[in-house]
Amino acid sequence: MEEVQAALTEGLQRIRTAVQSGTEAASEETGAVAGGIRSAATNAERAEKSALGGNHEWSTPGSGQAATPAARFESAPESAETASSATLSTAQSTVVDPVPSYPAAIYPAVPETFVSGIPDYQLDDALTNLSGGSAQRLSRFGPGAGFSGVYNPETGQFLAYPSGNTRYHDGRGFPMNLVARLGGHGEVNDTFTAITGLPARDSVGFVAVIRDDGGMGCRWSSSSVNNQNPSFAGREVPERLRPGIMDGLEQFTGRRVESDT
């Protein structure tokens, strides 16, 4: 660019001098000056080409030659797109599978049978749908462990405590809330009605025993509770009420429950 500027300045001075000499001389000098400026511009262009890529002509990318400004500009978006695609591909290949979801709860998040504010000691080693945790508590016991329970047919609520000779499967001691094998239903019913506020005489009593296969078998006799219920006669839970008890136990313990009689 400095060479072109110098040629232009010199040419203007020569033209002014020629004008003073006459019109013909001025015309000839103007042509000569224009030629000198074109020559300077050509030299400058060649110098720029050499700096960008040797003495080659402007060319498209490849074969080690310099690209034209237009070619470089047009290739930029493509390069950006390629880089973006590569980044996305890398990100996708490194995505870690989400943590597998846990199995669905075997009962609703807040069942209608739940009662709030139950003291912890009343839930110790209990099987119940008044609160959660029965499946975990049942895991402390092995085959032969028995539970005396009471059930309200109207609300579907139940509560059962370990009874008789039941012990933890690891032999570490007596269960919490252990009740007697005979007369234990009455004790369970007292706690059940205190928690729920339901009439004691509306309860029915049952026994659930863990089988060798881990399932549970139900028995239906209770003198201390069933004999007090005015809706049926005798000490056996009526057959029409038994499915509700077994369904509740299955739902809240996760075990298969069947009738032993």
C-alpha atoms as a PDB file:
ATOM      1  CA  MET A   1       0.000   0.000   0.000  1.00  0.00           C
ATOM      2  CA  GLU A   2       2.898   2.407   0.653  1.00  0.00           C
ATOM      3  CA  GLU A   3       4.187   1.755  -2.898  1.00  0.00           C
ATOM      4  CA  VAL A   4       0.788   2.599  -4.388  1.00  0.00           C
ATOM      5  CA  GLN A   5       0.527   5.771  -2.284  1.00  0.00           C
ATOM      6  CA  ALA A   6       3.999   6.893  -3.396  1.00  0.00           C
ATOM      7  CA  ALA A   7       3.186   6.255  -7.067  1.00  0.00           C
ATOM      8  CA  LEU A   8      -0.038   8.221  -6.732  1.00  0.00           C
ATOM      9  CA  THR A   9       1.703  11.224  -5.122  1.00  0.00           C
ATOM     10  CA  GLU A  10       4.464  11.268  -7.719  1.00  0.00           C
ATOM     11  CA  GLY A  11       1.975  10.952 -10.566  1.00  0.00           C
ATOM     12  CA  LEU A  12      -0.122  13.887  -9.401  1.00  0.00           C
ATOM     13  CA  GLN A  13       2.982  16.079  -9.303  1.00  0.00           C
ATOM     14  CA  ARG A  14       3.969  15.026 -12.849  1.00  0.00           C
ATOM     15  CA  ILE A  15       0.459  15.750 -14.140  1.00  0.00           C
ATOM     16  CA  ARG A  16       0.484  19.270 -12.661  1.00  0.00           C
ATOM     17  CA  THR A  17       3.825  19.960 -14.398  1.00  0.00           C
ATOM     18  CA  ALA A  18       2.533  18.613 -17.715  1.00  0.00           C
ATOM     19  CA  VAL A  19      -0.625  20.710 -17.518  1.00  0.00           C
ATOM     20  CA  GLN A  20       1.515  23.821 -17.324  1.00  0.00           C
ATOM     21  CA  SER A  21       3.332  22.692 -20.529  1.00  0.00           C
ATOM     22  CA  GLY A  22       0.154  22.095 -22.572  1.00  0.00           C
ATOM     23  CA  THR A  23      -2.896  19.892 -23.099  1.00  0.00           C
ATOM     24  CA  GLU A  24      -1.201  17.202 -25.215  1.00  0.00           C
ATOM     25  CA  ALA A  25       1.649  16.755 -22.786  1.00  0.00           C
ATOM     26  CA  ALA A  26      -0.811  16.527 -19.911  1.00  0.00           C
ATOM     27  CA  SER A  27      -2.777  13.770 -21.640  1.00  0.00           C
ATOM     28  CA  GLU A  28       0.329  11.685 -22.288  1.00  0.00           C
ATOM     29  CA  GLU A  29       1.599  12.152 -18.749  1.00  0.00           C
ATOM     30  CA  THR A  30      -1.777  11.167 -17.259  1.00  0.00           C
ATOM     31  CA  GLY A  31      -1.696   7.854 -19.169  1.00  0.00           C
ATOM     32  CA  ALA A  32       1.799   7.134 -17.978  1.00  0.00           C
ATOM     33  CA  VAL A  33       0.924   7.898 -14.367  1.00  0.00           C
ATOM     34  CA  ALA A  34      -2.127   5.602 -14.504  1.00  0.00           C
ATOM     35  CA  GLY A  35       0.042   2.789 -15.788  1.00  0.00           C
ATOM     36  CA  GLY A  36       2.517   3.303 -12.957  1.00  0.00           C
ATOM     37  CA  ILE A  37      -0.241   3.175 -10.342  1.00  0.00           C
ATOM     38  CA  ARG A  38      -1.656  -0.072 -11.808  1.00  0.00           C
ATOM     39  CA  SER A  39       1.808  -1.605 -11.745  1.00  0.00           C
ATOM     40  CA  ALA A  40       2.289  -0.639  -8.088  1.00  0.00           C
ATOM     41  CA  ALA A  41      -1.106  -2.099  -7.191  1.00  0.00           C
ATOM     42  CA  THR A  42      -0.283  -5.350  -8.960  1.00  0.00           C
ATOM     43  CA  ASN A  43       2.988  -5.676  -7.074  1.00  0.00           C
ATOM     44  CA  ALA A  44       1.232  -5.040  -3.771  1.00  0.00           C
ATOM     45  CA  GLU A  45      -1.383  -7.719  -4.529  1.00  0.00           C
ATOM     46  CA  ARG A  46       1.315 -10.246  -5.386  1.00  0.00           C
ATOM     47  CA  ALA A  47       3.111  -9.491  -2.148  1.00  0.00           C
ATOM     48  CA  GLU A  48      -0.079 -10.126  -0.148  1.00  0.00           C
ATOM     49  CA  LYS A  49      -0.672 -13.418  -1.961  1.00  0.00           C
ATOM     50  CA  SER A  50       2.864 -14.517  -1.215  1.00  0.00           C
ATOM     51  CA  ALA A  51       2.436 -13.748   2.491  1.00  0.00           C
ATOM     52  CA  LEU A  52      -0.783 -15.817   2.664  1.00  0.00           C
ATOM     53  CA  GLY A  53       0.286 -18.845   0.687  1.00  0.00           C
ATOM     54  CA  GLY A  54       3.417 -18.573  -1.388  1.00  0.00           C
ATOM     55  CA  ASN A  55       3.345 -17.577  -5.023  1.00  0.00           C
ATOM     56  CA  HIS A  56       0.250 -19.649  -5.828  1.00  0.00           C
ATOM     57  CA  GLU A  57      -2.914 -18.129  -7.209  1.00  0.00           C
ATOM     58  CA  TRP A  58      -5.925 -17.856  -4.869  1.00  0.00           C
ATOM     59  CA  SER A  59      -7.373 -21.331  -4.537  1.00  0.00           C
ATOM     60  CA  THR A  60      -9.839 -23.444  -2.635  1.00  0.00           C
ATOM     61  CA  PRO A  61      -8.712 -25.268   0.510  1.00  0.00           C
ATOM     62  CA  GLY A  62      -6.782 -28.476   0.016  1.00  0.00           C
ATOM     63  CA  SER A  63      -3.470 -29.562  -1.435  1.00  0.00           C
ATOM     64  CA  GLY A  64      -1.688 -27.315   1.076  1.00  0.00           C
ATOM     65  CA  GLN A  65      -2.672 -24.046  -0.688  1.00  0.00           C
ATOM     66  CA  ALA A  66      -4.048 -20.975   0.984  1.00  0.00           C
ATOM     67  CA  ALA A  67      -7.788 -20.437   0.780  1.00  0.00           C
ATOM     68  CA  THR A  68      -9.355 -17.236  -0.479  1.00  0.00           C
ATOM     69  CA  PRO A  69     -10.945 -15.029   2.150  1.00  0.00           C
ATOM     70  CA  ALA A  70     -14.362 -16.058   0.820  1.00  0.00           C
ATOM     71  CA  ALA A  71     -13.469 -19.733   0.991  1.00  0.00           C
ATOM     72  CA  ARG A  72     -12.199 -19.381   4.551  1.00  0.00           C
ATOM     73  CA  PHE A  73     -15.343 -17.524   5.573  1.00  0.00           C
ATOM     74  CA  GLU A  74     -17.659 -20.082   3.988  1.00  0.00           C
ATOM     75  CA  SER A  75     -15.833 -22.962   5.633  1.00  0.00           C
ATOM     76  CA  ALA A  76     -16.112 -21.480   9.120  1.00  0.00           C
ATOM     77  CA  PRO A  77     -19.818 -22.268   9.697  1.00  0.00           C
ATOM     78  CA  GLU A  78     -19.253 -25.795   8.420  1.00  0.00           C
ATOM     79  CA  SER A  79     -16.336 -26.243  10.834  1.00  0.00           C
ATOM     80  CA  ALA A  80     -18.418 -24.876  13.683  1.00  0.00           C
ATOM     81  CA  GLU A  81     -21.251 -27.220  12.793  1.00  0.00           C
ATOM     82  CA  THR A  82     -18.871 -30.166  12.598  1.00  0.00           C
ATOM     83  CA  ALA A  83     -17.358 -29.258  15.977  1.00  0.00           C
ATOM     84  CA  SER A  84     -20.818 -28.877  17.488  1.00  0.00           C
ATOM     85  CA  SER A  85     -21.846 -32.245  16.088  1.00  0.00           C
ATOM     86  CA  ALA A  86     -18.685 -33.873  17.428  1.00  0.00           C
ATOM     87  CA  THR A  87     -19.261 -32.317  20.857  1.00  0.00           C
ATOM     88  CA  LEU A  88     -22.853 -33.543  20.899  1.00  0.00           C
ATOM     89  CA  SER A  89     -21.748 -37.010  19.834  1.00  0.00           C
ATOM     90  CA  THR A  90     -19.167 -37.089  22.629  1.00  0.00           C
ATOM     91  CA  ALA A  91     -21.700 -35.884  25.158  1.00  0.00           C
ATOM     92  CA  GLN A  92     -24.208 -38.504  24.055  1.00  0.00           C
ATOM     93  CA  SER A  93     -21.624 -41.264  24.301  1.00  0.00           C
ATOM     94  CA  THR A  94     -20.785 -40.287  27.867  1.00  0.00           C
ATOM     95  CA  VAL A  95     -24.345 -39.884  29.153  1.00  0.00           C
ATOM     96  CA  VAL A  96     -24.856 -42.168  32.135  1.00  0.00           C
ATOM     97  CA  ASP A  97     -28.116 -44.038  32.305  1.00  0.00           C
ATOM     98  CA  PRO A  98     -30.423 -42.600  34.949  1.00  0.00           C
ATOM     99  CA  VAL A  99     -30.560 -44.376  38.284  1.00  0.00           C
ATOM    100  CA  PRO A 100     -33.147 -47.141  37.913  1.00  0.00           C
ATOM    101  CA  SER A 101     -36.393 -46.256  39.609  1.00  0.00           C
ATOM    102  CA  TYR A 102     -37.283 -48.203  42.715  1.00  0.00           C
ATOM    103  CA  PRO A 103     -40.149 -50.685  42.552  1.00  0.00           C
ATOM    104  CA  ALA A 104     -43.537 -49.144  43.188  1.00  0.00           C
ATOM    105  CA  ALA A 105     -44.693 -49.163  46.792  1.00  0.00           C
ATOM    106  CA  ILE A 106     -46.970 -52.009  47.655  1.00  0.00           C
ATOM    107  CA  TYR A 107     -49.423 -49.533  49.105  1.00  0.00           C
ATOM    108  CA  PRO A 108     -50.396 -45.936  48.301  1.00  0.00           C
ATOM    109  CA  ALA A 109     -48.095 -43.154  49.500  1.00  0.00           C
ATOM    110  CA  VAL A 110     -50.643 -42.099  52.120  1.00  0.00           C
ATOM    111  CA  PRO A 111     -53.219 -44.892  52.472  1.00  0.00           C
ATOM    112  CA  GLU A 112     -56.629 -44.056  53.857  1.00  0.00           C
ATOM    113  CA  THR A 113     -55.929 -46.527  56.653  1.00  0.00           C
ATOM    114  CA  PHE A 114     -52.995 -44.499  58.008  1.00  0.00           C
ATOM    115  CA  VAL A 115     -53.319 -42.771  61.364  1.00  0.00           C
ATOM    116  CA  SER A 116     -51.000 -39.895  62.185  1.00  0.00           C
ATOM    117  CA  GLY A 117     -49.213 -39.427  65.476  1.00  0.00           C
ATOM    118  CA  ILE A 118     -48.886 -43.068  66.510  1.00  0.00           C
ATOM    119  CA  PRO A 119     -46.135 -43.395  69.164  1.00  0.00           C
ATOM    120  CA  ASP A 120     -43.176 -45.419  67.939  1.00  0.00           C
ATOM    121  CA  TYR A 121     -43.434 -47.920  70.760  1.00  0.00           C
ATOM    122  CA  GLN A 122     -46.900 -48.949  69.570  1.00  0.00           C
ATOM    123  CA  LEU A 123     -45.482 -49.787  66.147  1.00  0.00           C
ATOM    124  CA  ASP A 124     -42.505 -51.805  67.376  1.00  0.00           C
ATOM    125  CA  ASP A 125     -42.584 -55.250  65.662  1.00  0.00           C
ATOM    126  CA  ALA A 126     -46.165 -54.601  64.537  1.00  0.00           C
ATOM    127  CA  LEU A 127     -47.833 -55.696  61.336  1.00  0.00           C
ATOM    128  CA  THR A 128     -50.343 -52.997  60.459  1.00  0.00           C
ATOM    129  CA  ASN A 129     -51.780 -50.702  57.812  1.00  0.00           C
ATOM    130  CA  LEU A 130     -52.121 -47.867  60.318  1.00  0.00           C
ATOM    131  CA  SER A 131     -48.579 -46.872  59.307  1.00  0.00           C
ATOM    132  CA  GLY A 132     -45.822 -48.040  56.983  1.00  0.00           C
ATOM    133  CA  GLY A 133     -42.860 -50.326  57.713  1.00  0.00           C
ATOM    134  CA  SER A 134     -44.558 -53.687  58.237  1.00  0.00           C
ATOM    135  CA  ALA A 135     -42.510 -55.477  55.589  1.00  0.00           C
ATOM    136  CA  GLN A 136     -39.254 -54.383  57.217  1.00  0.00           C
ATOM    137  CA  ARG A 137     -40.430 -55.343  60.686  1.00  0.00           C
ATOM    138  CA  LEU A 138     -41.602 -58.744  59.482  1.00  0.00           C
ATOM    139  CA  SER A 139     -38.136 -59.463  58.072  1.00  0.00           C
ATOM    140  CA  ARG A 140     -36.870 -59.818  61.648  1.00  0.00           C
ATOM    141  CA  PHE A 141     -38.865 -63.044  62.034  1.00  0.00           C
ATOM    142  CA  GLY A 142     -38.575 -66.537  60.563  1.00  0.00           C
ATOM    143  CA  PRO A 143     -40.840 -69.548  59.933  1.00  0.00           C
ATOM    144  CA  GLY A 144     -43.144 -70.419  62.813  1.00  0.00           C
ATOM    145  CA  ALA A 145     -43.400 -66.853  64.129  1.00  0.00           C
ATOM    146  CA  GLY A 146     -47.013 -66.013  64.965  1.00  0.00           C
ATOM    147  CA  PHE A 147     -48.905 -62.718  65.235  1.00  0.00           C
ATOM    148  CA  SER A 148     -52.203 -62.083  66.984  1.00  0.00           C
ATOM    149  CA  GLY A 149     -54.170 -59.428  65.147  1.00  0.00           C
ATOM    150  CA  VAL A 150     -57.444 -57.525  65.050  1.00  0.00           C
ATOM    151  CA  TYR A 151     -59.275 -56.079  62.070  1.00  0.00           C
ATOM    152  CA  ASN A 152     -62.128 -53.622  61.562  1.00  0.00           C
ATOM    153  CA  PRO A 153     -64.311 -54.680  58.606  1.00  0.00           C
ATOM    154  CA  GLU A 154     -65.720 -51.186  58.079  1.00  0.00           C
ATOM    155  CA  THR A 155     -62.421 -49.302  57.741  1.00  0.00           C
ATOM    156  CA  GLY A 156     -60.159 -52.170  56.629  1.00  0.00           C
ATOM    157  CA  GLN A 157     -57.598 -51.251  59.307  1.00  0.00           C
ATOM    158  CA  PHE A 158     -55.682 -53.933  61.209  1.00  0.00           C
ATOM    159  CA  LEU A 159     -52.991 -54.317  63.845  1.00  0.00           C
ATOM    160  CA  ALA A 160     -51.074 -57.473  64.821  1.00  0.00           C
ATOM    161  CA  TYR A 161     -48.368 -58.091  67.425  1.00  0.00           C
ATOM    162  CA  PRO A 162     -45.972 -61.046  67.919  1.00  0.00           C
ATOM    163  CA  SER A 163     -47.513 -63.644  70.225  1.00  0.00           C
ATOM    164  CA  GLY A 164     -46.787 -66.758  72.261  1.00  0.00           C
ATOM    165  CA  ASN A 165     -43.284 -68.223  71.798  1.00  0.00           C
ATOM    166  CA  THR A 166     -42.369 -66.036  68.831  1.00  0.00           C
ATOM    167  CA  ARG A 167     -38.768 -64.844  68.790  1.00  0.00           C
ATOM    168  CA  TYR A 168     -36.544 -62.952  66.368  1.00  0.00           C
ATOM    169  CA  HIS A 169     -35.030 -65.254  63.739  1.00  0.00           C
ATOM    170  CA  ASP A 170     -31.505 -64.410  64.947  1.00  0.00           C
ATOM    171  CA  GLY A 171     -32.412 -65.482  68.494  1.00  0.00           C
ATOM    172  CA  ARG A 172     -31.374 -62.156  70.009  1.00  0.00           C
ATOM    173  CA  GLY A 173     -34.304 -61.880  72.411  1.00  0.00           C
ATOM    174  CA  PHE A 174     -37.988 -61.288  72.889  1.00  0.00           C
ATOM    175  CA  PRO A 175     -39.884 -59.174  70.351  1.00  0.00           C
ATOM    176  CA  MET A 176     -41.349 -55.846  71.317  1.00  0.00           C
ATOM    177  CA  ASN A 177     -45.086 -55.762  72.096  1.00  0.00           C
ATOM    178  CA  LEU A 178     -45.159 -59.536  72.548  1.00  0.00           C
ATOM    179  CA  VAL A 179     -48.616 -60.696  73.676  1.00  0.00           C
ATOM    180  CA  ALA A 180     -49.837 -63.972  75.158  1.00  0.00           C
ATOM    181  CA  ARG A 181     -51.007 -66.719  72.852  1.00  0.00           C
ATOM    182  CA  LEU A 182     -54.204 -67.034  74.853  1.00  0.00           C
ATOM    183  CA  GLY A 183     -56.006 -63.782  75.525  1.00  0.00           C
ATOM    184  CA  GLY A 184     -53.495 -61.764  73.487  1.00  0.00           C
ATOM    185  CA  HIS A 185     -56.146 -60.589  71.018  1.00  0.00           C
ATOM    186  CA  GLY A 186     -57.763 -58.569  73.777  1.00  0.00           C
ATOM    187  CA  GLU A 187     -54.482 -56.726  74.458  1.00  0.00           C
ATOM    188  CA  VAL A 188     -53.997 -55.984  70.768  1.00  0.00           C
ATOM    189  CA  ASN A 189     -57.590 -54.768  70.496  1.00  0.00           C
ATOM    190  CA  ASP A 190     -57.121 -52.383  73.406  1.00  0.00           C
ATOM    191  CA  THR A 191     -54.186 -50.731  71.633  1.00  0.00           C
ATOM    192  CA  PHE A 192     -55.963 -50.790  68.256  1.00  0.00           C
ATOM    193  CA  THR A 193     -59.071 -49.027  69.540  1.00  0.00           C
ATOM    194  CA  ALA A 194     -56.978 -46.506  71.472  1.00  0.00           C
ATOM    195  CA  ILE A 195     -55.159 -45.563  68.257  1.00  0.00           C
ATOM    196  CA  THR A 196     -58.152 -45.523  65.908  1.00  0.00           C
ATOM    197  CA  GLY A 197     -61.007 -44.519  68.240  1.00  0.00           C
ATOM    198  CA  LEU A 198     -63.095 -47.348  66.814  1.00  0.00           C
ATOM    199  CA  PRO A 199     -65.478 -49.391  68.997  1.00  0.00           C
ATOM    200  CA  ALA A 200     -63.750 -52.468  70.449  1.00  0.00           C
ATOM    201  CA  ARG A 201     -66.734 -54.719  69.776  1.00  0.00           C
ATOM    202  CA  ASP A 202     -66.552 -54.071  65.994  1.00  0.00           C
ATOM    203  CA  SER A 203     -63.150 -55.775  65.720  1.00  0.00           C
ATOM    204  CA  VAL A 204     -62.520 -59.338  64.619  1.00  0.00           C
ATOM    205  CA  GLY A 205     -59.505 -61.359  65.767  1.00  0.00           C
ATOM    206  CA  PHE A 206     -57.173 -63.551  63.679  1.00  0.00           C
ATOM    207  CA  VAL A 207     -53.714 -65.165  63.797  1.00  0.00           C
ATOM    208  CA  ALA A 208     -51.041 -64.991  61.055  1.00  0.00           C
ATOM    209  CA  VAL A 209     -48.116 -67.451  61.087  1.00  0.00           C
ATOM    210  CA  ILE A 210     -45.005 -67.333  58.868  1.00  0.00           C
ATOM    211  CA  ARG A 211     -44.701 -70.462  56.711  1.00  0.00           C
ATOM    212  CA  ASP A 212     -41.514 -72.238  55.714  1.00  0.00           C
ATOM    213  CA  ASP A 213     -41.680 -70.669  52.261  1.00  0.00           C
ATOM    214  CA  GLY A 214     -41.889 -67.154  53.740  1.00  0.00           C
ATOM    215  CA  GLY A 215     -45.571 -66.757  53.051  1.00  0.00           C
ATOM    216  CA  MET A 216     -48.151 -66.421  55.796  1.00  0.00           C
ATOM    217  CA  GLY A 217     -51.058 -68.610  56.803  1.00  0.00           C
ATOM    218  CA  CYS A 218     -54.089 -67.200  58.641  1.00  0.00           C
ATOM    219  CA  ARG A 219     -56.183 -68.804  61.334  1.00  0.00           C
ATOM    220  CA  TRP A 220     -59.504 -67.396  62.447  1.00  0.00           C
ATOM    221  CA  SER A 221     -60.281 -68.185  66.081  1.00  0.00           C
ATOM    222  CA  SER A 222     -60.341 -65.676  68.933  1.00  0.00           C
ATOM    223  CA  SER A 223     -62.406 -66.016  72.053  1.00  0.00           C
ATOM    224  CA  SER A 224     -61.485 -62.660  73.579  1.00  0.00           C
ATOM    225  CA  VAL A 225     -62.458 -60.603  70.507  1.00  0.00           C
ATOM    226  CA  ASN A 226     -64.732 -62.564  68.170  1.00  0.00           C
ATOM    227  CA  ASN A 227     -67.095 -63.652  70.907  1.00  0.00           C
ATOM    228  CA  GLN A 228     -67.683 -59.952  71.711  1.00  0.00           C
ATOM    229  CA  ASN A 229     -68.672 -58.939  68.171  1.00  0.00           C
ATOM    230  CA  PRO A 230     -72.482 -58.716  67.889  1.00  0.00           C
ATOM    231  CA  SER A 231     -72.501 -59.007  64.047  1.00  0.00           C
ATOM    232  CA  PHE A 232     -71.859 -62.768  64.043  1.00  0.00           C
ATOM    233  CA  ALA A 233     -71.987 -65.728  66.395  1.00  0.00           C
ATOM    234  CA  GLY A 234     -69.077 -67.846  67.594  1.00  0.00           C
ATOM    235  CA  ARG A 235     -65.321 -67.411  67.843  1.00  0.00           C
ATOM    236  CA  GLU A 236     -64.477 -67.822  64.146  1.00  0.00           C
ATOM    237  CA  VAL A 237     -64.106 -64.923  61.718  1.00  0.00           C
ATOM    238  CA  PRO A 238     -66.899 -65.258  59.125  1.00  0.00           C
ATOM    239  CA  GLU A 239     -65.633 -66.330  55.693  1.00  0.00           C
ATOM    240  CA  ARG A 240     -66.983 -63.158  54.083  1.00  0.00           C
ATOM    241  CA  LEU A 241     -64.538 -61.070  56.159  1.00  0.00           C
ATOM    242  CA  ARG A 242     -61.428 -63.200  55.645  1.00  0.00           C
ATOM    243  CA  PRO A 243     -60.391 -61.926  52.168  1.00  0.00           C
ATOM    244  CA  GLY A 244     -60.153 -58.351  53.491  1.00  0.00           C
ATOM    245  CA  ILE A 245     -57.721 -59.443  56.215  1.00  0.00           C
ATOM    246  CA  MET A 246     -55.533 -61.477  53.871  1.00  0.00           C
ATOM    247  CA  ASP A 247     -55.487 -58.747  51.230  1.00  0.00           C
ATOM    248  CA  GLY A 248     -54.410 -56.171  53.817  1.00  0.00           C
ATOM    249  CA  LEU A 249     -51.599 -58.385  55.094  1.00  0.00           C
ATOM    250  CA  GLU A 250     -50.371 -59.087  51.566  1.00  0.00           C
ATOM    251  CA  GLN A 251     -50.430 -55.438  50.605  1.00  0.00           C
ATOM    252  CA  PHE A 252     -48.488 -54.185  53.608  1.00  0.00           C
ATOM    253  CA  THR A 253     -46.033 -57.057  54.166  1.00  0.00           C
ATOM    254  CA  GLY A 254     -45.358 -58.065  50.561  1.00  0.00           C
ATOM    255  CA  ARG A 255     -45.834 -61.741  51.480  1.00  0.00           C
ATOM    256  CA  ARG A 256     -48.231 -64.230  49.973  1.00  0.00           C
ATOM    257  CA  VAL A 257     -51.058 -64.793  52.464  1.00  0.00           C
ATOM    258  CA  GLU A 258     -53.481 -67.704  52.460  1.00  0.00           C
ATOM    259  CA  SER A 259     -55.975 -69.281  54.829  1.00  0.00           C
ATOM    260  CA  ASP A 260     -54.739 -72.223  56.868  1.00  0.00           C
ATOM    261  CA  THR A 261     -58.277 -73.489  57.462  1.00  0.00           C
END
